[in-house]
Amino acid sequence: MKRFVATALVCASLALSFGNPSAARNDKPAAMRFEWRLEGPADQCGAHCRTWISATGVITEDTARTFEAFARSNDVRGARLVLDSEGGSVLSALALGRAIRNFDMTTTVGRTTLLPPDGQGHQRATISHSASCESMCAFILLAGTRRYVPTEARVLVHQIWLGAKSKRARETSYTADELQLVQRDVGKLVRYTAEMGGSMELVETALQVPPWEPMHRLNADELRRMKITTVDRLFEQDAPSPPVAAVTPNAITTSAQGQGPR
């Protein structure tokens, strides 16, 4: 049976720039991988080093099953999932999104960069917010119970299309069966978006951008309005410290006299 993929796929050179050891050969993009990461360097973050799950690569037909296997071997409930993806299979993305929602996870966009191993051979990582979440990746973002999109991150959307015909979409002819499959998957996408608490404006915006046009980058207002971003920070440690009220000697003297604050 034919499957749809979003038209934009990450090229092999971009996958290699991520430092991904699974970067594909023969110009085939690397499939999404899920890996636990611990922040570093250790001497900088100390007792406050943060952890997350990096999800980097293209969403293939096996991605949802890959995540489910990862979840069986790791305690992912409530974890933060950091996405850096060019999109991919529509149906697999929807299955992946539902699996993520079941684990009450936080989703965000970011690029994970590995640091050199330390003296004990442990490898830590950093997160850069300068990353992209394109096509079906935007709908995976919706799966988080809490969702955070940094200002530097790029979330881009466009229509779903028959993957084998996406590069020559305007010159290619289509059968009735193929058009029926497109309609079916659009319906599934609408239902999924509603399940995740997203806005139908997201689906409408995506369906207005054909594969022969540049993808539409969602701005900060759209991200909020479409309910793609719902929180203001990814880690609790990023919250600003509450201001400390200044105490003057006069205030202490007054309190000591029994008058107290008013």
C-alpha atoms as a PDB file:
ATOM      1  CA  MET A   1       0.000   0.000   0.000  1.00  0.00           C
ATOM      2  CA  LYS A   2       1.247   3.464  -0.788  1.00  0.00           C
ATOM      3  CA  ARG A   3       2.175   5.783   2.017  1.00  0.00           C
ATOM      4  CA  PHE A   4       2.459   9.540   2.056  1.00  0.00           C
ATOM      5  CA  VAL A   5       5.537  11.420   3.059  1.00  0.00           C
ATOM      6  CA  ALA A   6       5.915  15.144   3.489  1.00  0.00           C
ATOM      7  CA  THR A   7       7.745  16.530   0.511  1.00  0.00           C
ATOM      8  CA  ALA A   8      10.714  18.025   2.315  1.00  0.00           C
ATOM      9  CA  LEU A   9      13.324  15.421   3.314  1.00  0.00           C
ATOM     10  CA  VAL A  10      16.635  16.099   5.001  1.00  0.00           C
ATOM     11  CA  CYS A  11      19.619  15.639   2.686  1.00  0.00           C
ATOM     12  CA  ALA A  12      22.501  13.379   3.630  1.00  0.00           C
ATOM     13  CA  SER A  13      24.937  16.260   4.065  1.00  0.00           C
ATOM     14  CA  LEU A  14      22.655  17.912   6.635  1.00  0.00           C
ATOM     15  CA  ALA A  15      22.343  14.661   8.560  1.00  0.00           C
ATOM     16  CA  LEU A  16      26.117  14.400   8.643  1.00  0.00           C
ATOM     17  CA  SER A  17      26.367  17.935  10.032  1.00  0.00           C
ATOM     18  CA  PHE A  18      24.350  16.765  13.047  1.00  0.00           C
ATOM     19  CA  GLY A  19      27.129  14.355  13.889  1.00  0.00           C
ATOM     20  CA  ASN A  20      24.655  11.484  13.558  1.00  0.00           C
ATOM     21  CA  PRO A  21      26.479   8.151  13.273  1.00  0.00           C
ATOM     22  CA  SER A  22      23.497   6.693  11.442  1.00  0.00           C
ATOM     23  CA  ALA A  23      23.761   9.209   8.617  1.00  0.00           C
ATOM     24  CA  ALA A  24      22.567   7.374   5.563  1.00  0.00           C
ATOM     25  CA  ARG A  25      24.559   6.301   2.580  1.00  0.00           C
ATOM     26  CA  ASN A  26      23.666   6.696  -1.088  1.00  0.00           C
ATOM     27  CA  ASP A  27      21.910  10.010  -0.427  1.00  0.00           C
ATOM     28  CA  LYS A  28      19.177   8.325   1.592  1.00  0.00           C
ATOM     29  CA  PRO A  29      18.213  10.472   4.600  1.00  0.00           C
ATOM     30  CA  ALA A  30      18.835   9.165   8.098  1.00  0.00           C
ATOM     31  CA  ALA A  31      15.811   7.772   9.928  1.00  0.00           C
ATOM     32  CA  MET A  32      14.806   9.360  13.215  1.00  0.00           C
ATOM     33  CA  ARG A  33      16.713   8.141  16.273  1.00  0.00           C
ATOM     34  CA  PHE A  34      15.817   8.521  19.947  1.00  0.00           C
ATOM     35  CA  GLU A  35      18.650   8.902  22.467  1.00  0.00           C
ATOM     36  CA  TRP A  36      18.919   9.991  26.086  1.00  0.00           C
ATOM     37  CA  ARG A  37      21.256  12.926  26.553  1.00  0.00           C
ATOM     38  CA  LEU A  38      22.829  14.492  29.635  1.00  0.00           C
ATOM     39  CA  GLU A  39      23.854  18.132  29.615  1.00  0.00           C
ATOM     40  CA  GLY A  40      27.475  19.145  29.831  1.00  0.00           C
ATOM     41  CA  PRO A  41      30.147  20.148  30.488  1.00  0.00           C
ATOM     42  CA  ALA A  42      29.691  18.707  33.974  1.00  0.00           C
ATOM     43  CA  ASP A  43      31.865  21.360  35.631  1.00  0.00           C
ATOM     44  CA  GLN A  44      29.530  24.074  34.321  1.00  0.00           C
ATOM     45  CA  CYS A  45      26.079  22.694  35.110  1.00  0.00           C
ATOM     46  CA  GLY A  46      27.141  20.779  38.215  1.00  0.00           C
ATOM     47  CA  ALA A  47      24.165  19.460  40.192  1.00  0.00           C
ATOM     48  CA  HIS A  48      21.755  21.103  37.748  1.00  0.00           C
ATOM     49  CA  CYS A  49      22.728  19.245  34.563  1.00  0.00           C
ATOM     50  CA  ARG A  50      19.573  18.630  32.552  1.00  0.00           C
ATOM     51  CA  THR A  51      18.453  15.542  30.660  1.00  0.00           C
ATOM     52  CA  TRP A  52      16.379  15.118  27.519  1.00  0.00           C
ATOM     53  CA  ILE A  53      15.625  12.723  24.665  1.00  0.00           C
ATOM     54  CA  SER A  54      16.935  13.817  21.281  1.00  0.00           C
ATOM     55  CA  ALA A  55      14.759  12.903  18.295  1.00  0.00           C
ATOM     56  CA  THR A  56      16.735  13.610  15.135  1.00  0.00           C
ATOM     57  CA  GLY A  57      16.098  12.509  11.571  1.00  0.00           C
ATOM     58  CA  VAL A  58      13.366  11.715   9.083  1.00  0.00           C
ATOM     59  CA  ILE A  59      10.101  10.079  10.150  1.00  0.00           C
ATOM     60  CA  THR A  60       9.935   6.740   8.362  1.00  0.00           C
ATOM     61  CA  GLU A  61       7.326   4.000   8.447  1.00  0.00           C
ATOM     62  CA  ASP A  62       9.321   2.374  11.264  1.00  0.00           C
ATOM     63  CA  THR A  63       9.704   5.468  13.463  1.00  0.00           C
ATOM     64  CA  ALA A  64       6.652   4.920  15.675  1.00  0.00           C
ATOM     65  CA  ARG A  65       7.753   1.331  16.361  1.00  0.00           C
ATOM     66  CA  THR A  66      11.298   2.516  17.040  1.00  0.00           C
ATOM     67  CA  PHE A  67      10.003   4.941  19.660  1.00  0.00           C
ATOM     68  CA  GLU A  68       7.796   2.323  21.287  1.00  0.00           C
ATOM     69  CA  ALA A  69      10.811   0.007  21.597  1.00  0.00           C
ATOM     70  CA  PHE A  70      12.849   2.883  23.074  1.00  0.00           C
ATOM     71  CA  ALA A  71      10.065   3.607  25.584  1.00  0.00           C
ATOM     72  CA  ARG A  72       9.957  -0.020  26.694  1.00  0.00           C
ATOM     73  CA  SER A  73      13.659   0.131  27.568  1.00  0.00           C
ATOM     74  CA  ASN A  74      13.631   3.588  29.170  1.00  0.00           C
ATOM     75  CA  ASP A  75      11.480   5.498  31.630  1.00  0.00           C
ATOM     76  CA  VAL A  76      10.299   8.229  29.272  1.00  0.00           C
ATOM     77  CA  ARG A  77       7.223   9.364  31.208  1.00  0.00           C
ATOM     78  CA  GLY A  78       7.305  13.114  31.696  1.00  0.00           C
ATOM     79  CA  ALA A  79      10.585  13.465  29.783  1.00  0.00           C
ATOM     80  CA  ARG A  80      11.481  16.272  27.400  1.00  0.00           C
ATOM     81  CA  LEU A  81      11.644  15.338  23.720  1.00  0.00           C
ATOM     82  CA  VAL A  82      13.864  17.624  21.618  1.00  0.00           C
ATOM     83  CA  LEU A  83      12.944  17.457  17.930  1.00  0.00           C
ATOM     84  CA  ASP A  84      15.123  18.253  14.936  1.00  0.00           C
ATOM     85  CA  SER A  85      13.442  16.799  11.844  1.00  0.00           C
ATOM     86  CA  GLU A  86      12.551  17.520   8.236  1.00  0.00           C
ATOM     87  CA  GLY A  87       9.306  15.534   8.508  1.00  0.00           C
ATOM     88  CA  GLY A  88       8.428  12.328   6.709  1.00  0.00           C
ATOM     89  CA  SER A  89       5.692   9.682   6.772  1.00  0.00           C
ATOM     90  CA  VAL A  90       2.270  11.057   7.656  1.00  0.00           C
ATOM     91  CA  LEU A  91       0.764   7.919   9.172  1.00  0.00           C
ATOM     92  CA  SER A  92       3.893   7.068  11.159  1.00  0.00           C
ATOM     93  CA  ALA A  93       4.050  10.641  12.486  1.00  0.00           C
ATOM     94  CA  LEU A  94       0.465  10.399  13.737  1.00  0.00           C
ATOM     95  CA  ALA A  95       1.191   7.068  15.434  1.00  0.00           C
ATOM     96  CA  LEU A  96       4.344   8.523  16.981  1.00  0.00           C
ATOM     97  CA  GLY A  97       2.442  11.562  18.224  1.00  0.00           C
ATOM     98  CA  ARG A  98      -0.167   9.440  19.959  1.00  0.00           C
ATOM     99  CA  ALA A  99       2.546   7.351  21.621  1.00  0.00           C
ATOM    100  CA  ILE A 100       4.276  10.513  22.874  1.00  0.00           C
ATOM    101  CA  ARG A 101       1.016  11.834  24.338  1.00  0.00           C
ATOM    102  CA  ASN A 102       0.528   8.594  26.285  1.00  0.00           C
ATOM    103  CA  PHE A 103       3.783   9.294  28.146  1.00  0.00           C
ATOM    104  CA  ASP A 104       2.890  12.863  29.215  1.00  0.00           C
ATOM    105  CA  MET A 105       6.008  14.292  27.590  1.00  0.00           C
ATOM    106  CA  THR A 106       7.148  17.845  26.886  1.00  0.00           C
ATOM    107  CA  THR A 107       8.053  18.572  23.268  1.00  0.00           C
ATOM    108  CA  THR A 108      10.346  21.243  21.876  1.00  0.00           C
ATOM    109  CA  VAL A 109      12.614  22.066  18.930  1.00  0.00           C
ATOM    110  CA  GLY A 110      16.386  21.933  19.285  1.00  0.00           C
ATOM    111  CA  ARG A 111      19.617  20.559  17.885  1.00  0.00           C
ATOM    112  CA  THR A 112      21.583  18.222  20.130  1.00  0.00           C
ATOM    113  CA  THR A 113      25.360  18.418  19.808  1.00  0.00           C
ATOM    114  CA  LEU A 114      27.564  15.802  21.429  1.00  0.00           C
ATOM    115  CA  LEU A 115      30.580  16.881  23.465  1.00  0.00           C
ATOM    116  CA  PRO A 116      33.869  14.934  23.541  1.00  0.00           C
ATOM    117  CA  PRO A 117      33.839  12.072  26.084  1.00  0.00           C
ATOM    118  CA  ASP A 118      35.166  12.973  29.529  1.00  0.00           C
ATOM    119  CA  GLY A 119      37.932  11.174  31.395  1.00  0.00           C
ATOM    120  CA  GLN A 120      35.556   8.349  32.360  1.00  0.00           C
ATOM    121  CA  GLY A 121      34.340   7.920  28.793  1.00  0.00           C
ATOM    122  CA  HIS A 122      30.954   9.540  29.497  1.00  0.00           C
ATOM    123  CA  GLN A 123      29.562  11.648  26.686  1.00  0.00           C
ATOM    124  CA  ARG A 124      27.459  14.703  27.394  1.00  0.00           C
ATOM    125  CA  ALA A 125      25.675  17.116  25.074  1.00  0.00           C
ATOM    126  CA  THR A 126      24.361  20.633  24.562  1.00  0.00           C
ATOM    127  CA  ILE A 127      21.132  21.943  23.061  1.00  0.00           C
ATOM    128  CA  SER A 128      21.029  24.670  20.431  1.00  0.00           C
ATOM    129  CA  HIS A 129      17.666  26.294  19.802  1.00  0.00           C
ATOM    130  CA  SER A 130      18.723  27.086  16.234  1.00  0.00           C
ATOM    131  CA  ALA A 131      16.999  24.061  14.702  1.00  0.00           C
ATOM    132  CA  SER A 132      14.097  23.178  12.423  1.00  0.00           C
ATOM    133  CA  CYS A 133      10.912  21.180  12.819  1.00  0.00           C
ATOM    134  CA  GLU A 134       9.390  20.864   9.375  1.00  0.00           C
ATOM    135  CA  SER A 135       6.285  19.403   7.794  1.00  0.00           C
ATOM    136  CA  MET A 136       4.929  16.474   9.874  1.00  0.00           C
ATOM    137  CA  CYS A 137       7.355  17.339  12.674  1.00  0.00           C
ATOM    138  CA  ALA A 138       5.074  20.292  13.501  1.00  0.00           C
ATOM    139  CA  PHE A 139       2.265  17.831  14.216  1.00  0.00           C
ATOM    140  CA  ILE A 140       4.558  15.730  16.410  1.00  0.00           C
ATOM    141  CA  LEU A 141       5.178  18.890  18.435  1.00  0.00           C
ATOM    142  CA  LEU A 142       1.445  18.922  19.182  1.00  0.00           C
ATOM    143  CA  ALA A 143       1.799  15.575  20.956  1.00  0.00           C
ATOM    144  CA  GLY A 144       3.503  17.077  23.985  1.00  0.00           C
ATOM    145  CA  THR A 145       1.364  17.712  27.027  1.00  0.00           C
ATOM    146  CA  ARG A 146       3.520  20.811  27.328  1.00  0.00           C
ATOM    147  CA  ARG A 147       5.018  22.402  24.218  1.00  0.00           C
ATOM    148  CA  TYR A 148       7.813  24.954  23.921  1.00  0.00           C
ATOM    149  CA  VAL A 149       9.150  26.556  20.730  1.00  0.00           C
ATOM    150  CA  PRO A 150      12.224  28.772  21.261  1.00  0.00           C
ATOM    151  CA  THR A 151      12.428  32.076  19.427  1.00  0.00           C
ATOM    152  CA  GLU A 152      15.364  30.869  17.313  1.00  0.00           C
ATOM    153  CA  ALA A 153      13.652  27.645  16.236  1.00  0.00           C
ATOM    154  CA  ARG A 154      11.933  27.249  12.874  1.00  0.00           C
ATOM    155  CA  VAL A 155       8.591  25.447  12.562  1.00  0.00           C
ATOM    156  CA  LEU A 156       7.579  25.106   8.909  1.00  0.00           C
ATOM    157  CA  VAL A 157       4.488  23.547   7.313  1.00  0.00           C
ATOM    158  CA  HIS A 158       3.110  22.619   3.903  1.00  0.00           C
ATOM    159  CA  GLN A 159       0.722  20.177   2.239  1.00  0.00           C
ATOM    160  CA  ILE A 160       1.085  16.431   2.473  1.00  0.00           C
ATOM    161  CA  TRP A 161       1.724  14.806  -0.880  1.00  0.00           C
ATOM    162  CA  LEU A 162       2.522  11.523  -2.583  1.00  0.00           C
ATOM    163  CA  GLY A 163       6.196  11.162  -1.751  1.00  0.00           C
ATOM    164  CA  ALA A 164       7.205   9.555  -5.050  1.00  0.00           C
ATOM    165  CA  LYS A 165       5.632  12.425  -6.998  1.00  0.00           C
ATOM    166  CA  SER A 166       6.508  15.386  -4.819  1.00  0.00           C
ATOM    167  CA  LYS A 167       9.514  16.601  -6.813  1.00  0.00           C
ATOM    168  CA  ARG A 168       7.462  16.978 -10.006  1.00  0.00           C
ATOM    169  CA  ALA A 169       4.110  17.585  -8.372  1.00  0.00           C
ATOM    170  CA  ARG A 170       2.807  20.035 -11.012  1.00  0.00           C
ATOM    171  CA  GLU A 171       3.825  17.964 -14.030  1.00  0.00           C
ATOM    172  CA  THR A 172       2.685  14.588 -12.730  1.00  0.00           C
ATOM    173  CA  SER A 173      -0.706  12.996 -13.339  1.00  0.00           C
ATOM    174  CA  TYR A 174      -2.672  11.334 -10.520  1.00  0.00           C
ATOM    175  CA  THR A 175      -5.104   8.472 -10.393  1.00  0.00           C
ATOM    176  CA  ALA A 176      -8.424   8.528  -8.595  1.00  0.00           C
ATOM    177  CA  ASP A 177      -7.059   6.034  -6.071  1.00  0.00           C
ATOM    178  CA  GLU A 178      -4.134   8.321  -5.296  1.00  0.00           C
ATOM    179  CA  LEU A 179      -6.411  11.301  -4.757  1.00  0.00           C
ATOM    180  CA  GLN A 180      -8.602   9.175  -2.507  1.00  0.00           C
ATOM    181  CA  LEU A 181      -5.560   8.307  -0.384  1.00  0.00           C
ATOM    182  CA  VAL A 182      -4.675  11.999  -0.083  1.00  0.00           C
ATOM    183  CA  GLN A 183      -8.190  12.796   1.148  1.00  0.00           C
ATOM    184  CA  ARG A 184      -8.051   9.902   3.614  1.00  0.00           C
ATOM    185  CA  ASP A 185      -4.815  11.080   5.183  1.00  0.00           C
ATOM    186  CA  VAL A 186      -6.005  14.696   5.350  1.00  0.00           C
ATOM    187  CA  GLY A 187      -8.981  13.440   7.333  1.00  0.00           C
ATOM    188  CA  LYS A 188      -6.681  11.513   9.669  1.00  0.00           C
ATOM    189  CA  LEU A 189      -4.566  14.625  10.133  1.00  0.00           C
ATOM    190  CA  VAL A 190      -7.618  16.703  11.068  1.00  0.00           C
ATOM    191  CA  ARG A 191      -8.770  14.123  13.607  1.00  0.00           C
ATOM    192  CA  TYR A 192      -5.298  13.863  15.152  1.00  0.00           C
ATOM    193  CA  THR A 193      -4.959  17.645  15.472  1.00  0.00           C
ATOM    194  CA  ALA A 194      -8.254  17.796  17.352  1.00  0.00           C
ATOM    195  CA  GLU A 195      -7.167  14.947  19.654  1.00  0.00           C
ATOM    196  CA  MET A 196      -3.961  16.770  20.540  1.00  0.00           C
ATOM    197  CA  GLY A 197      -5.766  20.010  21.342  1.00  0.00           C
ATOM    198  CA  GLY A 198      -4.312  21.849  18.370  1.00  0.00           C
ATOM    199  CA  SER A 199      -6.049  24.462  16.278  1.00  0.00           C
ATOM    200  CA  MET A 200      -7.660  23.700  12.930  1.00  0.00           C
ATOM    201  CA  GLU A 201      -5.896  26.825  11.717  1.00  0.00           C
ATOM    202  CA  LEU A 202      -2.699  24.775  11.672  1.00  0.00           C
ATOM    203  CA  VAL A 203      -4.189  22.249   9.255  1.00  0.00           C
ATOM    204  CA  GLU A 204      -5.707  25.007   7.137  1.00  0.00           C
ATOM    205  CA  THR A 205      -2.395  26.869   6.935  1.00  0.00           C
ATOM    206  CA  ALA A 206      -0.475  23.732   5.977  1.00  0.00           C
ATOM    207  CA  LEU A 207      -2.955  22.762   3.266  1.00  0.00           C
ATOM    208  CA  GLN A 208      -2.583  26.163   1.608  1.00  0.00           C
ATOM    209  CA  VAL A 209       1.104  25.564   0.778  1.00  0.00           C
ATOM    210  CA  PRO A 210       1.698  23.219  -2.199  1.00  0.00           C
ATOM    211  CA  PRO A 211       4.964  21.278  -2.507  1.00  0.00           C
ATOM    212  CA  TRP A 212       6.291  23.498  -5.309  1.00  0.00           C
ATOM    213  CA  GLU A 213       6.269  26.550  -3.030  1.00  0.00           C
ATOM    214  CA  PRO A 214       8.547  27.275  -0.046  1.00  0.00           C
ATOM    215  CA  MET A 215       7.239  25.998   3.245  1.00  0.00           C
ATOM    216  CA  HIS A 216       5.506  28.503   5.504  1.00  0.00           C
ATOM    217  CA  ARG A 217       7.373  29.385   8.681  1.00  0.00           C
ATOM    218  CA  LEU A 218       5.013  29.899  11.594  1.00  0.00           C
ATOM    219  CA  ASN A 219       5.661  33.123  13.484  1.00  0.00           C
ATOM    220  CA  ALA A 220       5.417  33.560  17.251  1.00  0.00           C
ATOM    221  CA  ASP A 221       1.802  34.716  17.100  1.00  0.00           C
ATOM    222  CA  GLU A 222       0.777  31.759  14.944  1.00  0.00           C
ATOM    223  CA  LEU A 223       2.582  29.305  17.202  1.00  0.00           C
ATOM    224  CA  ARG A 224       0.581  30.556  20.172  1.00  0.00           C
ATOM    225  CA  ARG A 225      -2.685  30.914  18.308  1.00  0.00           C
ATOM    226  CA  MET A 226      -2.447  27.433  16.805  1.00  0.00           C
ATOM    227  CA  LYS A 227      -1.553  26.017  20.275  1.00  0.00           C
ATOM    228  CA  ILE A 228       1.767  24.627  19.094  1.00  0.00           C
ATOM    229  CA  THR A 229       3.572  26.381  21.934  1.00  0.00           C
ATOM    230  CA  THR A 230       1.919  26.372  25.348  1.00  0.00           C
ATOM    231  CA  VAL A 231       4.670  27.098  27.898  1.00  0.00           C
ATOM    232  CA  ASP A 232       7.341  29.782  28.181  1.00  0.00           C
ATOM    233  CA  ARG A 233      10.340  27.599  29.052  1.00  0.00           C
ATOM    234  CA  LEU A 234      11.580  24.057  28.654  1.00  0.00           C
ATOM    235  CA  PHE A 235      13.294  23.455  32.006  1.00  0.00           C
ATOM    236  CA  GLU A 236      12.182  24.636  35.412  1.00  0.00           C
ATOM    237  CA  GLN A 237      15.734  25.837  36.077  1.00  0.00           C
ATOM    238  CA  ASP A 238      15.285  28.381  33.288  1.00  0.00           C
ATOM    239  CA  ALA A 239      12.649  30.251  35.287  1.00  0.00           C
ATOM    240  CA  PRO A 240      13.859  33.638  36.540  1.00  0.00           C
ATOM    241  CA  SER A 241      14.493  33.807  40.260  1.00  0.00           C
ATOM    242  CA  PRO A 242      11.813  35.702  42.214  1.00  0.00           C
ATOM    243  CA  PRO A 243      12.873  39.205  43.207  1.00  0.00           C
ATOM    244  CA  VAL A 244      14.136  39.561  46.750  1.00  0.00           C
ATOM    245  CA  ALA A 245      12.462  42.412  48.623  1.00  0.00           C
ATOM    246  CA  ALA A 246      14.865  44.891  50.096  1.00  0.00           C
ATOM    247  CA  VAL A 247      14.630  45.340  53.870  1.00  0.00           C
ATOM    248  CA  THR A 248      15.605  48.726  55.281  1.00  0.00           C
ATOM    249  CA  PRO A 249      16.751  49.364  58.854  1.00  0.00           C
ATOM    250  CA  ASN A 250      13.694  51.580  59.458  1.00  0.00           C
ATOM    251  CA  ALA A 251      11.365  48.760  58.450  1.00  0.00           C
ATOM    252  CA  ILE A 252      13.053  46.412  60.924  1.00  0.00           C
ATOM    253  CA  THR A 253      12.822  48.995  63.710  1.00  0.00           C
ATOM    254  CA  THR A 254       9.140  49.624  63.034  1.00  0.00           C
ATOM    255  CA  SER A 255       8.364  45.909  63.099  1.00  0.00           C
ATOM    256  CA  ALA A 256      10.253  45.551  66.362  1.00  0.00           C
ATOM    257  CA  GLN A 257       8.015  48.219  67.860  1.00  0.00           C
ATOM    258  CA  GLY A 258       4.993  45.991  67.238  1.00  0.00           C
ATOM    259  CA  GLN A 259       3.382  48.047  64.489  1.00  0.00           C
ATOM    260  CA  GLY A 260       4.040  45.474  61.733  1.00  0.00           C
ATOM    261  CA  PRO A 261       3.582  45.905  58.012  1.00  0.00           C
ATOM    262  CA  ARG A 262       0.405  47.499  56.627  1.00  0.00           C
END
